[in-house]
């Protein structure tokens, strides 16, 4: 045998072994790529879990807004001309126009930003007027 024949046989044997190893290795790498991005990718399992949490939070906010809207719709329905609730009309007109009925008892509360009034000795001021 000549040296060229031996080198050709060695090369062909190496080529066969490389093909036998390279095919499954390439498939394993591609499979690992898809598994990795299926778990950690932009549309993977972890991202799905994150999006599900955001959807749950948004549904809670949506339910709160629906309840608030329902309450506002109910209050506005009481003010419609075809079904006018006199108590609601009275409440809104007093609040908007700052009016009160002569029989009403008005209790003045301090504003939240204002400090509470300081009373030094309320008993002494009551008895001062009676002397």
N, C-alpha and C. Protein backbone atom coordinates (compact mmCIF):
# COMPACT_ATOMS: atom_id res chain seq x y z
N UNK A 1 0.82 -1.17 0.00
CA UNK A 1 0.00 0.00 0.00
C UNK A 1 0.87 1.24 0.00
N UNK A 2 0.34 2.14 -0.66
CA UNK A 2 1.07 3.38 -0.77
C UNK A 2 0.63 4.34 0.34
N UNK A 3 1.43 5.32 0.54
CA UNK A 3 1.16 6.29 1.60
C UNK A 3 -0.09 7.09 1.29
N UNK A 4 -0.35 7.35 0.04
CA UNK A 4 -1.55 8.12 -0.33
C UNK A 4 -2.81 7.31 -0.05
N UNK A 5 -2.73 6.00 -0.31
CA UNK A 5 -3.90 5.16 -0.04
C UNK A 5 -4.18 5.12 1.46
N UNK A 6 -3.14 5.01 2.27
CA UNK A 6 -3.32 4.98 3.73
C UNK A 6 -3.89 6.30 4.21
N UNK A 7 -3.39 7.40 3.71
CA UNK A 7 -3.90 8.70 4.15
C UNK A 7 -5.34 8.89 3.68
N UNK A 8 -5.70 8.38 2.49
CA UNK A 8 -7.09 8.47 2.02
C UNK A 8 -8.02 7.65 2.90
N UNK A 9 -7.56 6.45 3.29
CA UNK A 9 -8.39 5.61 4.17
C UNK A 9 -8.57 6.27 5.54
N UNK A 10 -7.51 6.84 6.03
CA UNK A 10 -7.60 7.53 7.34
C UNK A 10 -8.56 8.71 7.25
N UNK A 11 -8.45 9.47 6.18
CA UNK A 11 -9.34 10.63 5.99
C UNK A 11 -10.78 10.18 5.85
N UNK A 12 -11.05 9.14 5.11
CA UNK A 12 -12.43 8.68 4.94
C UNK A 12 -12.97 8.12 6.26
N UNK A 13 -12.11 7.44 7.03
CA UNK A 13 -12.56 6.93 8.34
C UNK A 13 -12.87 8.09 9.28
N UNK A 14 -12.02 9.12 9.26
CA UNK A 14 -12.26 10.30 10.09
C UNK A 14 -13.54 11.02 9.65
N UNK A 15 -13.75 11.12 8.36
CA UNK A 15 -14.96 11.77 7.85
C UNK A 15 -16.21 11.03 8.31
N UNK A 16 -16.18 9.71 8.25
CA UNK A 16 -17.33 8.91 8.71
C UNK A 16 -17.57 9.13 10.20
N UNK A 17 -16.53 9.13 10.98
CA UNK A 17 -16.69 9.32 12.43
C UNK A 17 -17.17 10.74 12.75
N UNK A 18 -16.66 11.73 12.04
CA UNK A 18 -17.11 13.10 12.25
C UNK A 18 -18.58 13.22 11.91
N UNK A 19 -19.01 12.61 10.80
CA UNK A 19 -20.42 12.64 10.42
C UNK A 19 -21.28 11.94 11.46
N UNK A 20 -20.80 10.83 11.98
CA UNK A 20 -21.57 10.08 12.98
C UNK A 20 -21.68 10.89 14.27
N UNK A 21 -20.65 11.60 14.64
CA UNK A 21 -20.67 12.38 15.88
C UNK A 21 -21.31 13.75 15.66
N UNK A 22 -21.02 14.39 14.53
CA UNK A 22 -21.49 15.75 14.29
C UNK A 22 -23.01 15.84 14.15
N UNK A 23 -23.65 14.92 13.52
CA UNK A 23 -25.11 14.93 13.33
C UNK A 23 -25.86 14.94 14.67
N UNK A 24 -25.64 13.95 15.53
CA UNK A 24 -26.33 13.97 16.82
C UNK A 24 -25.93 15.16 17.70
N UNK A 25 -24.65 15.58 17.61
CA UNK A 25 -24.21 16.72 18.39
C UNK A 25 -24.93 18.00 17.94
N UNK A 26 -25.07 18.18 16.65
CA UNK A 26 -25.78 19.34 16.12
C UNK A 26 -27.26 19.30 16.53
N UNK A 27 -27.88 18.14 16.47
CA UNK A 27 -29.28 18.00 16.91
C UNK A 27 -29.42 18.30 18.40
N UNK A 28 -28.47 17.85 19.21
CA UNK A 28 -28.52 18.11 20.66
C UNK A 28 -28.37 19.60 20.95
N UNK A 29 -27.50 20.28 20.21
CA UNK A 29 -27.32 21.71 20.41
C UNK A 29 -28.59 22.47 20.02
N UNK A 30 -29.18 22.11 18.90
CA UNK A 30 -30.43 22.77 18.47
C UNK A 30 -31.54 22.49 19.47
N UNK A 31 -31.64 21.27 19.97
CA UNK A 31 -32.65 20.92 20.97
C UNK A 31 -32.43 21.72 22.26
N UNK A 32 -31.17 21.84 22.70
CA UNK A 32 -30.87 22.61 23.91
C UNK A 32 -31.22 24.09 23.72
N UNK A 33 -30.97 24.60 22.52
CA UNK A 33 -31.32 25.99 22.21
C UNK A 33 -32.82 26.22 22.38
N UNK A 34 -33.64 25.37 21.80
CA UNK A 34 -35.09 25.54 21.89
C UNK A 34 -35.61 25.32 23.31
N UNK A 35 -35.02 24.39 24.03
CA UNK A 35 -35.44 24.18 25.43
C UNK A 35 -35.09 25.39 26.27
N UNK A 36 -33.90 25.92 26.09
CA UNK A 36 -33.48 27.10 26.86
C UNK A 36 -34.42 28.28 26.61
N UNK A 37 -34.68 28.58 25.34
CA UNK A 37 -35.55 29.70 25.03
C UNK A 37 -37.02 29.40 25.31
N UNK A 38 -37.36 28.14 25.39
CA UNK A 38 -38.71 27.78 25.81
C UNK A 38 -38.93 28.03 27.29
N UNK A 39 -37.87 28.02 28.06
CA UNK A 39 -37.97 28.25 29.50
C UNK A 39 -37.62 29.70 29.85
N UNK A 40 -36.52 30.21 29.35
CA UNK A 40 -36.01 31.53 29.75
C UNK A 40 -36.22 32.63 28.72
N UNK A 41 -36.72 32.33 27.56
CA UNK A 41 -36.82 33.30 26.48
C UNK A 41 -37.91 34.33 26.69
N UNK A 42 -38.09 35.19 25.69
CA UNK A 42 -39.08 36.26 25.75
C UNK A 42 -40.50 35.72 25.86
N UNK A 43 -40.74 34.54 25.34
CA UNK A 43 -42.06 33.93 25.42
C UNK A 43 -42.00 32.58 26.15
N UNK A 44 -41.04 32.48 27.05
CA UNK A 44 -40.83 31.24 27.78
C UNK A 44 -41.72 31.11 29.00
N UNK A 45 -41.47 30.08 29.77
CA UNK A 45 -42.28 29.77 30.95
C UNK A 45 -42.17 30.84 32.02
N UNK A 46 -40.98 31.38 32.26
CA UNK A 46 -40.82 32.41 33.28
C UNK A 46 -41.53 33.70 32.87
N UNK A 47 -41.44 34.04 31.60
CA UNK A 47 -42.13 35.23 31.11
C UNK A 47 -43.65 35.03 31.17
N UNK A 48 -44.09 33.82 30.91
CA UNK A 48 -45.52 33.51 31.02
C UNK A 48 -46.00 33.70 32.45
N UNK A 49 -45.23 33.23 33.40
CA UNK A 49 -45.58 33.39 34.82
C UNK A 49 -45.64 34.87 35.19
N UNK A 50 -44.66 35.64 34.70
CA UNK A 50 -44.63 37.08 34.97
C UNK A 50 -45.87 37.77 34.38
N UNK A 51 -46.22 37.42 33.17
CA UNK A 51 -47.39 38.02 32.53
C UNK A 51 -48.68 37.61 33.23
N UNK A 52 -48.76 36.40 33.73
CA UNK A 52 -49.94 35.96 34.47
C UNK A 52 -50.09 36.77 35.75
N UNK A 53 -48.99 37.06 36.43
CA UNK A 53 -49.05 37.90 37.63
C UNK A 53 -49.52 39.31 37.29
N UNK A 54 -49.03 39.87 36.19
CA UNK A 54 -49.47 41.20 35.79
C UNK A 54 -50.94 41.22 35.42
N UNK A 55 -51.41 40.17 34.76
CA UNK A 55 -52.83 40.08 34.41
C UNK A 55 -53.68 39.98 35.68
N UNK A 56 -53.24 39.24 36.67
CA UNK A 56 -53.99 39.13 37.93
C UNK A 56 -54.08 40.49 38.62
N UNK A 57 -52.98 41.24 38.64
CA UNK A 57 -53.00 42.57 39.25
C UNK A 57 -53.93 43.50 38.47
N UNK A 58 -53.88 43.42 37.16
CA UNK A 58 -54.74 44.27 36.33
C UNK A 58 -56.21 43.91 36.52
N UNK A 59 -56.51 42.65 36.74
CA UNK A 59 -57.91 42.25 36.97
C UNK A 59 -58.42 42.79 38.30
N UNK A 60 -57.56 42.85 39.30
CA UNK A 60 -57.96 43.43 40.59
C UNK A 60 -58.28 44.91 40.41
N UNK A 61 -57.43 45.61 39.68
CA UNK A 61 -57.66 47.04 39.42
C UNK A 61 -58.94 47.22 38.60
N UNK A 62 -59.14 46.35 37.62
CA UNK A 62 -60.34 46.42 36.79
C UNK A 62 -61.60 46.23 37.63
N UNK A 63 -61.57 45.29 38.55
CA UNK A 63 -62.74 45.04 39.40
C UNK A 63 -63.02 46.26 40.29
N UNK A 64 -61.97 46.87 40.82
CA UNK A 64 -62.17 48.08 41.63
C UNK A 64 -62.77 49.20 40.80
N UNK A 65 -62.29 49.36 39.58
CA UNK A 65 -62.82 50.41 38.71
C UNK A 65 -64.26 50.11 38.30
N UNK A 66 -64.59 48.85 38.09
CA UNK A 66 -65.97 48.49 37.77
C UNK A 66 -66.90 48.82 38.92
N UNK A 67 -66.47 48.53 40.14
CA UNK A 67 -67.30 48.85 41.30
C UNK A 67 -67.47 50.35 41.44
N UNK A 68 -66.40 51.11 41.23
CA UNK A 68 -66.49 52.57 41.32
C UNK A 68 -67.42 53.11 40.23
N UNK A 69 -67.30 52.57 39.03
CA UNK A 69 -68.17 53.01 37.93
C UNK A 69 -69.62 52.67 38.22
N UNK A 70 -69.86 51.50 38.77
CA UNK A 70 -71.22 51.10 39.11
C UNK A 70 -71.80 52.05 40.16
N UNK A 71 -71.02 52.44 41.14
CA UNK A 71 -71.48 53.35 42.16
C UNK A 71 -71.81 54.72 41.55
N UNK A 72 -70.95 55.21 40.67
CA UNK A 72 -71.17 56.50 40.03
C UNK A 72 -72.41 56.43 39.13
N UNK A 73 -72.58 55.34 38.40
CA UNK A 73 -73.77 55.18 37.56
C UNK A 73 -75.03 55.16 38.40
N UNK A 74 -74.97 54.50 39.55
CA UNK A 74 -76.14 54.46 40.43
C UNK A 74 -76.48 55.86 40.94
N UNK A 75 -75.47 56.58 41.36
CA UNK A 75 -75.72 57.94 41.86
C UNK A 75 -76.23 58.85 40.74
N UNK A 76 -75.70 58.70 39.55
CA UNK A 76 -76.17 59.54 38.44
C UNK A 76 -77.57 59.13 38.00
N UNK A 77 -77.91 57.85 38.14
CA UNK A 77 -79.27 57.42 37.78
C UNK A 77 -80.30 58.03 38.72
N UNK A 78 -79.90 58.32 39.94
CA UNK A 78 -80.82 58.96 40.88
C UNK A 78 -81.08 60.42 40.52
N UNK A 79 -80.24 61.00 39.67
CA UNK A 79 -80.39 62.40 39.28
C UNK A 79 -81.05 62.56 37.91
N UNK A 80 -81.46 61.50 37.26
CA UNK A 80 -82.06 61.59 35.93
C UNK A 80 -83.46 62.20 36.03
N UNK A 81 -83.87 62.93 35.00
CA UNK A 81 -85.18 63.60 35.06
C UNK A 81 -86.36 62.63 35.15
N UNK A 82 -86.24 61.45 34.52
CA UNK A 82 -87.37 60.51 34.57
C UNK A 82 -87.51 59.85 35.93
N UNK A 83 -86.43 59.80 36.69
CA UNK A 83 -86.48 59.20 38.02
C UNK A 83 -85.62 60.06 38.93
N UNK A 84 -86.20 61.10 39.47
CA UNK A 84 -85.46 62.05 40.29
C UNK A 84 -85.64 61.70 41.76
N UNK A 85 -84.54 61.43 42.43
CA UNK A 85 -84.59 61.15 43.86
C UNK A 85 -84.43 62.48 44.61
N UNK A 86 -85.44 62.83 45.37
CA UNK A 86 -85.44 64.13 46.04
C UNK A 86 -84.29 64.25 47.06
N UNK A 87 -84.00 63.18 47.75
CA UNK A 87 -82.90 63.23 48.72
C UNK A 87 -81.56 63.50 48.03
N UNK A 88 -81.35 62.83 46.90
CA UNK A 88 -80.10 63.04 46.17
C UNK A 88 -80.04 64.46 45.63
N UNK A 89 -81.16 64.95 45.11
CA UNK A 89 -81.20 66.32 44.60
C UNK A 89 -80.91 67.32 45.73
N UNK A 90 -81.52 67.09 46.88
CA UNK A 90 -81.31 67.97 48.02
C UNK A 90 -79.85 67.95 48.47
N UNK A 91 -79.27 66.76 48.55
CA UNK A 91 -77.88 66.62 48.97
C UNK A 91 -76.94 67.33 48.01
N UNK A 92 -77.11 67.11 46.72
CA UNK A 92 -76.22 67.71 45.73
C UNK A 92 -76.39 69.24 45.67
N UNK A 93 -77.63 69.72 45.77
CA UNK A 93 -77.83 71.17 45.70
C UNK A 93 -77.23 71.85 46.93
N UNK A 94 -77.36 71.25 48.08
CA UNK A 94 -76.76 71.83 49.28
C UNK A 94 -75.24 71.83 49.19
N UNK A 95 -74.70 70.76 48.66
CA UNK A 95 -73.25 70.67 48.56
C UNK A 95 -72.71 71.65 47.52
N UNK A 96 -73.35 71.73 46.38
CA UNK A 96 -72.86 72.58 45.30
C UNK A 96 -73.09 74.07 45.59
N UNK A 97 -74.24 74.40 46.19
CA UNK A 97 -74.57 75.81 46.41
C UNK A 97 -74.21 76.30 47.80
N UNK A 98 -73.78 75.37 48.65
CA UNK A 98 -73.40 75.69 50.02
C UNK A 98 -74.57 76.29 50.80
N UNK A 99 -75.75 75.68 50.61
CA UNK A 99 -76.95 76.11 51.33
C UNK A 99 -77.27 75.12 52.43
N UNK A 100 -78.09 75.57 53.38
CA UNK A 100 -78.57 74.67 54.42
C UNK A 100 -80.01 75.02 54.73
N UNK A 101 -80.70 74.08 55.29
CA UNK A 101 -82.09 74.26 55.69
C UNK A 101 -82.11 74.92 57.06
N UNK A 102 -83.12 75.74 57.37
CA UNK A 102 -83.15 76.39 58.68
C UNK A 102 -83.19 75.41 59.85
N UNK A 103 -83.71 74.22 59.65
CA UNK A 103 -83.79 73.23 60.73
C UNK A 103 -82.53 72.39 60.87
N UNK A 104 -81.58 72.56 59.97
CA UNK A 104 -80.36 71.76 60.02
C UNK A 104 -79.47 72.19 61.17
N UNK A 105 -78.78 71.20 61.74
CA UNK A 105 -77.75 71.47 62.75
C UNK A 105 -76.41 71.36 62.04
N UNK A 106 -75.65 72.42 62.07
CA UNK A 106 -74.38 72.46 61.35
C UNK A 106 -73.25 72.31 62.35
N UNK A 107 -72.40 71.35 62.10
CA UNK A 107 -71.23 71.11 62.93
C UNK A 107 -70.01 71.47 62.10
N UNK A 108 -69.28 72.44 62.56
CA UNK A 108 -68.09 72.90 61.83
C UNK A 108 -66.89 72.05 62.27
N UNK A 109 -66.28 71.41 61.32
CA UNK A 109 -65.10 70.60 61.59
C UNK A 109 -63.88 71.32 61.04
N UNK A 110 -62.74 71.21 61.72
CA UNK A 110 -61.54 71.85 61.19
C UNK A 110 -61.08 71.14 59.92
N UNK A 111 -60.49 71.88 59.04
CA UNK A 111 -59.95 71.28 57.83
C UNK A 111 -58.78 70.38 58.18
N UNK A 112 -58.47 69.50 57.31
CA UNK A 112 -57.37 68.56 57.58
C UNK A 112 -56.03 69.28 57.65
N UNK A 113 -55.87 70.33 56.89
CA UNK A 113 -54.60 71.04 56.88
C UNK A 113 -54.47 72.00 58.05
N UNK A 114 -55.61 72.46 58.58
CA UNK A 114 -55.58 73.42 59.68
C UNK A 114 -55.32 72.72 60.99
N UNK A 115 -54.52 73.33 61.86
CA UNK A 115 -54.33 72.73 63.19
C UNK A 115 -55.60 72.87 64.02
N UNK A 116 -55.78 71.99 64.96
CA UNK A 116 -56.97 72.03 65.82
C UNK A 116 -56.92 73.28 66.69
N UNK A 117 -58.08 73.91 66.93
CA UNK A 117 -58.08 75.11 67.79
C UNK A 117 -57.68 74.75 69.21
N UNK A 118 -56.96 75.67 69.84
CA UNK A 118 -56.47 75.44 71.19
C UNK A 118 -57.44 76.10 72.16
N UNK A 119 -58.00 75.32 73.09
CA UNK A 119 -58.90 75.83 74.11
C UNK A 119 -58.16 75.71 75.43
N UNK A 120 -57.95 76.84 76.08
CA UNK A 120 -57.16 76.81 77.31
C UNK A 120 -57.97 76.27 78.48
N UNK A 121 -59.09 76.91 78.78
CA UNK A 121 -59.92 76.45 79.87
C UNK A 121 -61.38 76.77 79.53
N UNK A 122 -62.08 75.80 78.94
CA UNK A 122 -63.45 76.10 78.50
C UNK A 122 -64.40 76.37 79.68
N UNK A 123 -64.18 75.81 80.81
CA UNK A 123 -65.08 76.00 81.95
C UNK A 123 -65.04 77.44 82.45
N UNK A 124 -63.88 78.09 82.43
CA UNK A 124 -63.78 79.45 82.91
C UNK A 124 -64.52 80.42 81.99
N UNK A 125 -64.51 80.15 80.67
CA UNK A 125 -65.21 81.06 79.77
C UNK A 125 -66.72 80.94 79.90
N UNK A 126 -67.24 79.81 80.31
CA UNK A 126 -68.69 79.64 80.51
C UNK A 126 -69.13 80.44 81.73
N UNK A 127 -68.38 80.37 82.80
CA UNK A 127 -68.78 81.04 84.04
C UNK A 127 -68.51 82.55 84.01
N UNK A 128 -67.62 82.99 83.11
CA UNK A 128 -67.34 84.42 83.04
C UNK A 128 -68.56 85.21 82.57
N UNK A 129 -69.38 84.63 81.69
CA UNK A 129 -70.55 85.32 81.16
C UNK A 129 -71.67 85.39 82.18
N UNK A 130 -71.68 84.53 83.19
CA UNK A 130 -72.78 84.48 84.14
C UNK A 130 -72.55 85.40 85.33
N UNK A 131 -71.45 86.00 85.53
CA UNK A 131 -71.16 86.85 86.67
C UNK A 131 -71.81 88.16 86.61
